[in-house]
């Protein structure tokens, strides 16, 4: 999302935490950043590759600001401007011989700029808008107050309660789990509702995720056969009652690129449900509306007795995301070859 993340390799969390979120929001669109709740003084689960890329991007932007400063004369001292004006004539300002030219202070004596000012200079207007919207979001505030990792937990809460998806002793697989909002809320709900038989929650994501009590986590890329085999090994042949998929690709901002990537992940999730979801089981998946969406929903209707499309209240209105819910897996729903 997720993504949207531990702060590693680019400095102290307090120096760059909010900048990470802002810049990733701009670079990654809604992605799974929509899931993140920023806690003061934490690094917010940035993975190493994202951190390195962000550090390089921030340095590039600072260089651009410095170059602009040089071209426009910003940072040039008042003494230096006088020196340049004096060079236009053969004599000094008072008519006498020109005084010896002092060493230029144009680019060696810059005004002191605070670290916060430098960080603000790198933020685009869109990232500032995103930050303002994010921190004023009532679901973000609620998640912070309740100790949840992600505002996205309230999307799952609404979907689960509306369609009564939980049962005692369920085996649930959460695909694309980081930073853990869905798994966290789900584990708490199952323990509260069914203390004698809380079942299992198995979470998987390509991003690292801090541990959650009662949640079994597998770190890896779901597109890789080895990771899928490891997930199957964790199940140990046990059928799955509920498959959740909140997976989404890193967004490029180009629909022609992002939508096929999203649909590819959705196809993989459907195949996993075909193979491991028990008859009468439930499949809940995030989709982006666009090319391939209608065909995918038709495939779901071939596999499940009931299919509905939901847009939870916690899902941002401008986001193309919706959630497809398939209930009552049919016996003839066999894996595609």
Protein backbone atom coordinates (compact mmCIF):
# COMPACT_ATOMS: atom_id res chain seq x y z
CA UNK A 1 0.00 0.00 0.00
CA UNK A 2 1.78 -0.60 2.58
CA UNK A 3 1.69 0.15 0.43
CA UNK A 4 1.86 1.96 3.49
CA UNK A 5 6.21 0.51 7.07
CA UNK A 6 9.34 0.59 9.20
CA UNK A 7 11.65 3.57 8.85
CA UNK A 8 15.09 2.14 8.02
CA UNK A 9 18.12 3.59 6.35
CA UNK A 10 17.13 7.20 5.68
CA UNK A 11 17.48 8.91 9.04
CA UNK A 12 15.66 9.30 12.31
CA UNK A 13 11.89 8.71 12.11
CA UNK A 14 11.12 12.08 13.64
CA UNK A 15 12.97 13.80 10.80
CA UNK A 16 11.32 12.12 7.85
CA UNK A 17 8.22 10.21 8.97
CA UNK A 18 5.59 12.63 7.69
CA UNK A 19 7.62 13.38 4.56
CA UNK A 20 7.73 9.67 3.75
CA UNK A 21 3.96 9.46 3.91
CA UNK A 22 3.46 12.62 1.88
CA UNK A 23 5.86 11.71 -0.90
CA UNK A 24 4.71 8.11 -1.11
CA UNK A 25 1.14 9.40 -1.34
CA UNK A 26 2.08 11.48 -4.37
CA UNK A 27 4.18 8.76 -5.99
CA UNK A 28 1.82 5.94 -5.17
CA UNK A 29 -1.61 7.53 -5.43
CA UNK A 30 -4.13 5.97 -3.05
CA UNK A 31 -2.37 2.60 -3.15
CA UNK A 32 -2.37 1.05 0.32
CA UNK A 33 -1.32 4.36 1.86
CA UNK A 34 -5.02 4.73 2.37
CA UNK A 35 -4.52 2.10 5.06
CA UNK A 36 -1.83 3.88 7.05
CA UNK A 37 -2.21 5.59 10.37
CA UNK A 38 0.82 7.73 11.19
CA UNK A 39 1.90 7.52 14.82
CA UNK A 40 4.08 10.33 16.16
CA UNK A 41 7.72 9.31 16.31
CA UNK A 42 7.30 6.06 14.36
CA UNK A 43 8.60 5.23 10.92
CA UNK A 44 5.27 3.81 9.72
CA UNK A 45 6.42 0.58 8.20
CA UNK A 46 8.47 1.80 5.19
CA UNK A 47 10.30 -1.14 3.65
CA UNK A 48 14.00 -0.88 2.84
CA UNK A 49 13.62 -0.50 -0.90
CA UNK A 50 10.98 2.19 -0.53
CA UNK A 51 13.12 4.00 2.02
CA UNK A 52 16.19 4.00 -0.21
CA UNK A 53 14.20 5.21 -3.20
CA UNK A 54 12.57 7.94 -1.15
CA UNK A 55 15.90 9.12 0.24
CA UNK A 56 17.29 9.43 -3.27
CA UNK A 57 14.18 11.28 -4.41
CA UNK A 58 14.36 13.75 -1.53
CA UNK A 59 18.02 14.48 -2.24
CA UNK A 60 17.20 15.05 -5.91
CA UNK A 61 14.49 17.52 -4.96
CA UNK A 62 16.78 19.40 -2.59
CA UNK A 63 19.37 19.69 -5.38
CA UNK A 64 16.67 21.16 -7.61
CA UNK A 65 15.78 23.71 -4.94
CA UNK A 66 19.46 24.68 -4.59
CA UNK A 67 19.82 25.08 -8.36
CA UNK A 68 16.75 27.30 -8.50
CA UNK A 69 18.17 29.35 -5.64
CA UNK A 70 21.37 29.97 -7.61
CA UNK A 71 19.57 30.91 -10.83
CA UNK A 72 17.20 33.38 -9.16
CA UNK A 73 19.75 34.97 -6.87
CA UNK A 74 18.03 33.78 -3.71
CA UNK A 75 20.56 33.38 -0.96
CA UNK A 76 22.86 36.02 -2.47
CA UNK A 77 23.99 38.40 0.26
CA UNK A 78 23.34 42.13 0.08
CA UNK A 79 27.10 42.80 0.03
CA UNK A 80 27.48 40.61 -3.01
CA UNK A 81 24.80 42.52 -4.95
CA UNK A 82 26.67 45.74 -4.22
CA UNK A 83 29.89 44.21 -5.47
CA UNK A 84 28.23 43.24 -8.75
CA UNK A 85 26.77 46.70 -9.18
CA UNK A 86 30.21 48.25 -8.56
CA UNK A 87 31.76 46.13 -11.31
CA UNK A 88 29.66 47.90 -13.96
CA UNK A 89 31.98 50.98 -13.89
CA UNK A 90 35.77 51.52 -13.81
CA UNK A 91 35.54 53.42 -10.53
CA UNK A 92 33.92 52.86 -7.18
CA UNK A 93 30.63 54.40 -6.13
CA UNK A 94 32.32 57.50 -4.73
CA UNK A 95 34.26 58.34 -7.88
CA UNK A 96 37.63 57.15 -6.63
CA UNK A 97 39.59 54.19 -7.84
CA UNK A 98 37.70 50.97 -7.72
CA UNK A 99 38.30 49.15 -4.47
CA UNK A 100 39.83 45.69 -4.69
CA UNK A 101 37.10 43.11 -5.31
CA UNK A 102 36.34 41.15 -2.20
CA UNK A 103 35.78 37.42 -2.41
CA UNK A 104 32.21 36.68 -3.46
CA UNK A 105 29.85 35.46 -0.79
CA UNK A 106 27.11 34.59 -3.27
CA UNK A 107 27.10 30.86 -2.75
CA UNK A 108 29.31 30.43 0.29
CA UNK A 109 27.28 32.42 2.75
CA UNK A 110 23.74 31.16 2.64
CA UNK A 111 21.04 32.05 5.13
CA UNK A 112 20.53 29.31 7.66
CA UNK A 113 17.55 27.15 6.73
CA UNK A 114 15.91 24.96 9.32
CA UNK A 115 15.42 21.28 8.62
CA UNK A 116 11.65 21.74 8.72
CA UNK A 117 11.89 24.46 6.07
CA UNK A 118 13.93 22.18 3.84
CA UNK A 119 11.38 19.43 4.23
CA UNK A 120 8.50 21.76 3.44
CA UNK A 121 10.31 22.96 0.32
CA UNK A 122 10.33 19.44 -1.05
CA UNK A 123 6.62 18.93 -0.64
CA UNK A 124 4.44 19.51 -3.64
CA UNK A 125 1.06 21.10 -3.24
CA UNK A 126 -0.59 17.75 -3.83
CA UNK A 127 1.37 16.10 -1.02
CA UNK A 128 0.43 18.91 1.36
CA UNK A 129 -3.21 18.50 0.40
CA UNK A 130 -2.90 14.76 1.01
CA UNK A 131 -1.39 15.31 4.46
CA UNK A 132 -4.10 17.78 5.42
CA UNK A 133 -6.82 15.42 4.27
CA UNK A 134 -5.19 12.40 5.88
CA UNK A 135 -4.73 13.87 9.34
CA UNK A 136 -8.20 15.41 9.39
CA UNK A 137 -9.79 12.12 8.31
CA UNK A 138 -12.17 10.91 11.07
CA UNK A 139 -11.23 7.27 10.44
CA UNK A 140 -7.54 8.07 10.85
CA UNK A 141 -8.27 9.81 14.15
CA UNK A 142 -10.45 6.93 15.28
CA UNK A 143 -7.81 4.35 14.41
CA UNK A 144 -5.18 6.30 16.34
CA UNK A 145 -7.47 6.57 19.35
CA UNK A 146 -8.28 2.86 19.29
CA UNK A 147 -4.72 1.68 18.67
CA UNK A 148 -5.40 0.19 15.24
CA UNK A 149 -2.66 0.13 12.63
CA UNK A 150 -4.86 1.21 9.77
CA UNK A 151 -8.00 3.17 8.94
CA UNK A 152 -8.78 0.32 6.51
CA UNK A 153 -9.80 -1.78 9.52
CA UNK A 154 -13.10 0.10 9.48
CA UNK A 155 -13.75 -0.97 5.91
CA UNK A 156 -13.49 -4.60 6.98
CA UNK A 157 -15.54 -3.98 10.12
CA UNK A 158 -18.43 -2.60 8.07
CA UNK A 159 -18.27 -5.42 5.52
CA UNK A 160 -18.06 -8.15 8.15
CA UNK A 161 -20.90 -6.80 10.27
CA UNK A 162 -23.19 -6.05 7.34
CA UNK A 163 -22.91 -9.54 5.87
CA UNK A 164 -22.20 -11.48 9.11
CA UNK A 165 -19.07 -13.13 7.78
CA UNK A 166 -17.54 -14.53 10.99
CA UNK A 167 -18.13 -17.96 12.50
CA UNK A 168 -16.51 -19.89 15.39
CA UNK A 169 -13.30 -21.73 14.54
CA UNK A 170 -12.84 -20.10 11.14
CA UNK A 171 -9.61 -20.33 9.17
CA UNK A 172 -9.03 -16.94 7.54
CA UNK A 173 -6.31 -16.02 5.03
CA UNK A 174 -5.52 -12.30 4.66
CA UNK A 175 -3.67 -11.56 1.40
CA UNK A 176 -1.89 -8.20 1.18
CA UNK A 177 -2.10 -7.78 4.94
CA UNK A 178 0.50 -5.09 5.71
CA UNK A 179 0.51 -2.95 7.76
CA UNK A 180 -1.88 -5.30 9.54
CA UNK A 181 -5.10 -3.33 10.06
CA UNK A 182 -7.37 -6.06 8.74
CA UNK A 183 -5.63 -8.94 10.54
CA UNK A 184 -5.47 -6.93 13.77
CA UNK A 185 -9.17 -6.09 13.77
CA UNK A 186 -10.16 -9.60 12.66
CA UNK A 187 -8.13 -11.33 15.38
CA UNK A 188 -9.60 -9.09 18.07
CA UNK A 189 -13.13 -9.62 16.77
CA UNK A 190 -12.81 -13.42 16.64
CA UNK A 191 -11.34 -13.65 20.14
CA UNK A 192 -14.09 -11.39 21.50
CA UNK A 193 -16.94 -13.13 19.70
CA UNK A 194 -15.73 -16.74 19.99
CA UNK A 195 -13.31 -16.97 22.93
CA UNK A 196 -13.66 -20.75 23.10
CA UNK A 197 -12.95 -21.23 19.39
CA UNK A 198 -11.27 -18.15 17.86
CA UNK A 199 -9.93 -20.02 14.82
CA UNK A 200 -6.83 -19.01 12.84
CA UNK A 201 -5.75 -15.88 11.00
CA UNK A 202 -2.94 -16.31 8.47
CA UNK A 203 -1.58 -13.10 6.93
CA UNK A 204 0.70 -12.64 3.92
CA UNK A 205 2.36 -9.62 2.35
CA UNK A 206 5.36 -8.66 0.23
CA UNK A 207 6.12 -6.00 2.86
CA UNK A 208 7.43 -6.75 6.31
CA UNK A 209 4.83 -6.52 9.06
CA UNK A 210 5.40 -6.33 12.82
CA UNK A 211 3.97 -9.29 14.66
CA UNK A 212 0.40 -9.40 15.92
CA UNK A 213 -0.71 -11.65 18.76
CA UNK A 214 -2.61 -14.63 17.39
CA UNK A 215 -1.80 -13.86 13.74
CA UNK A 216 0.47 -16.14 11.70
CA UNK A 217 2.44 -14.03 9.22
CA UNK A 218 4.24 -15.05 6.03
CA UNK A 219 6.54 -12.50 4.40
CA UNK A 220 6.81 -12.93 0.64
CA UNK A 221 5.56 -12.14 -2.86
CA UNK A 222 2.26 -13.91 -3.49
CA UNK A 223 3.09 -14.06 -7.21
CA UNK A 224 5.99 -16.44 -6.55
CA UNK A 225 5.36 -20.20 -6.50
CA UNK A 226 7.69 -20.73 -3.54
CA UNK A 227 5.71 -18.27 -1.41
CA UNK A 228 2.41 -19.86 -2.42
CA UNK A 229 3.82 -23.27 -1.49
CA UNK A 230 4.90 -21.92 1.90
CA UNK A 231 1.39 -20.58 2.48
CA UNK A 232 -0.10 -23.93 1.57
CA UNK A 233 2.34 -25.54 3.99
CA UNK A 234 1.11 -23.30 6.81
CA UNK A 235 -2.45 -24.42 6.09
CA UNK A 236 -1.39 -28.05 6.36
CA UNK A 237 -4.27 -29.22 4.22
CA UNK A 238 -6.82 -27.38 6.36
CA UNK A 239 -9.61 -25.85 4.21
CA UNK A 240 -10.06 -22.08 4.37
CA UNK A 241 -13.38 -20.56 5.44
CA UNK A 242 -12.71 -16.94 4.44
CA UNK A 243 -10.21 -15.51 1.94
CA UNK A 244 -9.57 -11.77 2.19
CA UNK A 245 -7.57 -9.86 -0.41
CA UNK A 246 -6.67 -6.22 0.02
CA UNK A 247 -3.73 -6.56 -2.39
CA UNK A 248 -2.92 -3.67 -4.72
CA UNK A 249 0.10 -2.85 -6.87
CA UNK A 250 2.35 0.17 -6.48
CA UNK A 251 0.49 2.75 -8.56
CA UNK A 252 2.23 4.52 -11.39
CA UNK A 253 -0.62 6.96 -11.97
CA UNK A 254 -1.27 5.50 -15.43
CA UNK A 255 -4.45 3.44 -15.72
CA UNK A 256 -3.06 1.50 -18.67
CA UNK A 257 -0.36 0.17 -16.35
CA UNK A 258 -2.06 0.06 -12.96
CA UNK A 259 -5.31 -1.65 -13.93
CA UNK A 260 -3.72 -4.73 -15.57
CA UNK A 261 -1.43 -5.13 -12.56
CA UNK A 262 -4.39 -4.94 -10.21
CA UNK A 263 -6.39 -7.46 -12.24
CA UNK A 264 -3.42 -9.84 -12.30
CA UNK A 265 -3.30 -9.84 -8.50
CA UNK A 266 -7.07 -10.33 -8.41
CA UNK A 267 -6.76 -13.35 -10.73
CA UNK A 268 -4.15 -14.91 -8.44
CA UNK A 269 -6.37 -14.37 -5.41
CA UNK A 270 -9.32 -15.97 -7.21
CA UNK A 271 -7.19 -18.98 -8.15
CA UNK A 272 -6.10 -19.36 -4.53
CA UNK A 273 -9.74 -19.30 -3.40
CA UNK A 274 -10.62 -21.84 -6.12
CA UNK A 275 -8.07 -24.26 -4.70
CA UNK A 276 -8.27 -23.70 -0.95
CA UNK A 277 -11.64 -22.21 -0.04
CA UNK A 278 -14.04 -24.83 1.23
CA UNK A 279 -17.49 -25.28 -0.36
CA UNK A 280 -19.88 -22.62 0.96
CA UNK A 281 -16.83 -20.49 1.86
CA UNK A 282 -16.53 -16.72 1.42
CA UNK A 283 -14.22 -14.59 -0.73
CA UNK A 284 -13.79 -10.83 -0.20
CA UNK A 285 -11.51 -8.87 -2.53
CA UNK A 286 -10.61 -5.28 -3.31
CA UNK A 287 -10.93 -4.32 -6.98
CA UNK A 288 -10.38 -1.17 -9.01
CA UNK A 289 -13.17 -0.27 -11.38
CA UNK A 290 -11.86 -0.23 -14.93
CA UNK A 291 -10.86 -2.55 -17.75
CA UNK A 292 -11.41 -6.19 -16.79
CA UNK A 293 -13.63 -5.41 -13.80
CA UNK A 294 -16.94 -6.56 -15.33
CA UNK A 295 -15.44 -9.79 -16.66
CA UNK A 296 -13.94 -10.54 -13.25
CA UNK A 297 -17.30 -10.08 -11.53
CA UNK A 298 -18.89 -12.42 -14.09
CA UNK A 299 -16.27 -15.05 -13.17
CA UNK A 300 -17.15 -14.61 -9.51
CA UNK A 301 -20.83 -15.18 -10.26
CA UNK A 302 -19.90 -18.51 -11.85
CA UNK A 303 -18.21 -19.55 -8.62
CA UNK A 304 -20.37 -18.20 -5.79
CA UNK A 305 -24.07 -18.41 -4.99
CA UNK A 306 -24.19 -14.70 -4.11
CA UNK A 307 -21.95 -11.88 -5.33
CA UNK A 308 -22.34 -8.25 -4.29
CA UNK A 309 -20.23 -5.11 -4.75
CA UNK A 310 -19.67 -2.93 -1.70
CA UNK A 311 -18.23 0.56 -1.16
CA UNK A 312 -17.60 0.94 2.60
CA UNK A 313 -17.99 4.34 4.21
CA UNK A 314 -14.30 4.36 5.13
CA UNK A 315 -13.33 4.02 1.46
CA UNK A 316 -12.48 7.46 0.11
CA UNK A 317 -15.04 8.72 -2.37
CA UNK A 318 -12.48 9.60 -5.05
CA UNK A 319 -10.88 6.15 -4.90
CA UNK A 320 -11.77 3.69 -7.69
CA UNK A 321 -11.68 0.84 -5.17
CA UNK A 322 -14.69 -1.30 -4.41
CA UNK A 323 -15.00 -4.65 -2.65
CA UNK A 324 -16.46 -7.72 -4.32
CA UNK A 325 -17.96 -10.24 -1.92
CA UNK A 326 -18.63 -13.80 -3.01
CA UNK A 327 -20.58 -15.99 -0.56
CA UNK A 328 -21.43 -19.66 -0.82
CA UNK A 329 -18.68 -21.13 -2.97
CA UNK A 330 -20.24 -23.55 -5.43
CA UNK A 331 -19.13 -27.16 -5.69
CA UNK A 332 -18.43 -26.86 -9.42
CA UNK A 333 -16.05 -23.92 -8.89
CA UNK A 334 -12.86 -25.62 -10.04
CA UNK A 335 -9.45 -24.06 -10.65
CA UNK A 336 -8.82 -22.79 -14.14
CA UNK A 337 -6.07 -24.48 -16.12
